[in-house]
Amino acid sequence: MVINPTLLAQRTRQSVNWNDAKRRVLKSYREWARAAPEIQTMYQLSIPVAEIRTKIRQEFERHRYVKQLSVVDVLLFQSHAEYQETLNYWKQVPHVLKYFRAKEDLNGQLPQNFMQGFLEGRN
């Protein structure tokens, strides 16, 4: 497979209004969802395609209630940069797998006081 770095390149632009932003977000989401099987085979992931699509959905849902149009534009730019890096195989497997790591619960793991944390070797 020949990788063409400019194949997925897009110009950065601002959304004209909320309808334009909504259209661009849906387009980005659909691109990610359609690319899930290719991501699975390209990076040889042992994760089912349905789980990859679920994670993609969670990442988009995380920013669902953003109220500023300029923030939505930045998020769209970041999403497309990640998409381009992922499909051009500019990432390594650990970079892709970081999205599937369970979030660490630091509240239950914090030491009682400074001295206990120091003796455990925590920073």
Protein backbone atom coordinates (compact mmCIF):
# COMPACT_ATOMS: atom_id res chain seq x y z
CA MET A 1 0.00 0.00 0.00
CA VAL A 2 1.44 3.37 -1.04
CA ILE A 3 0.94 6.12 1.49
CA ASN A 4 0.19 9.53 0.04
CA PRO A 5 0.51 12.13 2.82
CA THR A 6 -1.54 14.72 0.97
CA LEU A 7 -4.42 12.36 0.21
CA LEU A 8 -6.31 13.23 3.40
CA ALA A 9 -5.13 16.83 3.68
CA GLN A 10 -7.76 19.53 4.12
CA ARG A 11 -7.61 23.25 4.49
CA THR A 12 -8.32 24.59 7.93
CA ARG A 13 -11.44 26.69 7.92
CA GLN A 14 -13.95 28.21 10.26
CA SER A 15 -17.59 27.25 10.44
CA VAL A 16 -19.97 29.86 9.07
CA ASN A 17 -22.73 29.09 11.59
CA TRP A 18 -23.95 26.31 13.87
CA ASN A 19 -25.59 24.39 11.01
CA ASP A 20 -22.30 24.34 9.13
CA ALA A 21 -20.47 23.19 12.26
CA LYS A 22 -23.02 20.43 12.84
CA ARG A 23 -22.63 19.24 9.26
CA ARG A 24 -18.85 19.19 9.58
CA VAL A 25 -18.98 17.28 12.89
CA LEU A 26 -21.29 14.64 11.42
CA LYS A 27 -19.01 14.32 8.38
CA SER A 28 -16.00 13.83 10.64
CA TYR A 29 -17.83 11.26 12.76
CA ARG A 30 -18.89 9.30 9.68
CA GLU A 31 -15.33 9.32 8.33
CA TRP A 32 -14.04 7.88 11.61
CA ALA A 33 -16.81 5.27 11.80
CA ARG A 34 -16.22 4.13 8.22
CA ALA A 35 -12.49 3.87 8.83
CA ALA A 36 -12.86 1.58 11.88
CA PRO A 37 -12.39 -1.72 9.96
CA GLU A 38 -9.35 -0.32 8.17
CA ILE A 39 -7.86 0.89 11.46
CA GLN A 40 -8.38 -2.56 12.94
CA THR A 41 -6.59 -4.34 10.09
CA MET A 42 -3.90 -1.70 9.60
CA TYR A 43 -2.78 -1.71 13.23
CA GLN A 44 -3.60 -5.43 13.71
CA LEU A 45 -5.79 -4.74 16.73
CA SER A 46 -7.42 -7.60 18.58
CA ILE A 47 -10.35 -5.29 19.35
CA PRO A 48 -13.66 -5.83 17.52
CA VAL A 49 -14.76 -3.16 15.05
CA ALA A 50 -17.89 -2.52 17.11
CA GLU A 51 -15.76 -1.63 20.13
CA ILE A 52 -13.63 0.72 18.03
CA ARG A 53 -16.77 2.46 16.80
CA THR A 54 -18.07 2.68 20.37
CA LYS A 55 -14.85 4.39 21.46
CA ILE A 56 -15.11 6.79 18.52
CA ARG A 57 -18.66 7.62 19.59
CA GLN A 58 -17.51 8.21 23.19
CA GLU A 59 -14.80 10.59 22.05
CA PHE A 60 -17.31 12.62 20.04
CA GLU A 61 -19.87 12.54 22.89
CA ARG A 62 -17.25 13.91 25.28
CA HIS A 63 -17.48 17.27 23.51
CA ARG A 64 -21.19 17.20 22.73
CA TYR A 65 -22.18 20.25 24.76
CA VAL A 66 -19.51 22.70 23.61
CA LYS A 67 -21.15 26.12 23.33
CA GLN A 68 -18.55 28.15 21.42
CA LEU A 69 -18.26 27.89 17.67
CA SER A 70 -14.53 28.62 17.70
CA VAL A 71 -13.94 25.72 20.11
CA VAL A 72 -15.89 23.39 17.82
CA ASP A 73 -13.66 24.48 14.93
CA VAL A 74 -10.51 23.69 16.93
CA LEU A 75 -11.91 20.30 17.93
CA LEU A 76 -12.73 19.55 14.30
CA PHE A 77 -9.20 20.48 13.28
CA GLN A 78 -7.75 18.20 15.97
CA SER A 79 -10.08 15.38 14.97
CA HIS A 80 -9.05 15.60 11.35
CA ALA A 81 -5.35 15.74 12.28
CA GLU A 82 -5.78 12.55 14.34
CA TYR A 83 -7.70 10.96 11.48
CA GLN A 84 -4.99 11.81 8.97
CA GLU A 85 -2.21 10.59 11.27
CA THR A 86 -4.07 7.35 11.97
CA LEU A 87 -4.92 6.45 8.39
CA ASN A 88 -1.51 7.45 7.01
CA TYR A 89 0.04 5.06 9.53
CA TRP A 90 2.02 7.81 11.21
CA LYS A 91 1.12 6.37 14.61
CA GLN A 92 2.35 3.29 16.36
CA VAL A 93 0.11 0.68 17.96
CA PRO A 94 0.51 2.10 21.52
CA HIS A 95 -0.67 5.49 20.27
CA VAL A 96 -3.89 3.91 19.05
CA LEU A 97 -4.32 1.67 22.09
CA LYS A 98 -4.10 4.60 24.51
CA TYR A 99 -7.76 5.34 23.75
CA PHE A 100 -8.76 1.89 24.98
CA ARG A 101 -6.93 2.05 28.30
CA ALA A 102 -9.17 2.04 31.34
CA LYS A 103 -9.15 5.36 33.13
CA GLU A 104 -7.12 5.16 36.30
CA ASP A 105 -9.03 5.89 39.49
CA LEU A 106 -6.62 8.01 41.48
CA ASN A 107 -9.10 8.77 44.29
CA GLY A 108 -8.90 5.27 45.74
CA GLN A 109 -5.14 5.03 45.32
CA LEU A 110 -3.96 8.25 46.97
CA PRO A 111 -1.94 7.88 50.16
CA GLN A 112 -3.34 9.05 53.51
CA ASN A 113 -0.58 11.62 54.11
CA PHE A 114 2.67 12.91 52.67
CA MET A 115 4.93 10.56 54.61
CA GLN A 116 3.02 7.44 53.54
CA GLY A 117 3.21 8.53 49.90
CA PHE A 118 6.91 9.30 50.28
CA LEU A 119 7.64 5.88 51.72
CA GLU A 120 5.67 4.19 48.93
CA GLY A 121 7.83 6.00 46.39
CA ARG A 122 5.11 8.19 44.91
CA ASN A 123 5.87 11.61 43.49
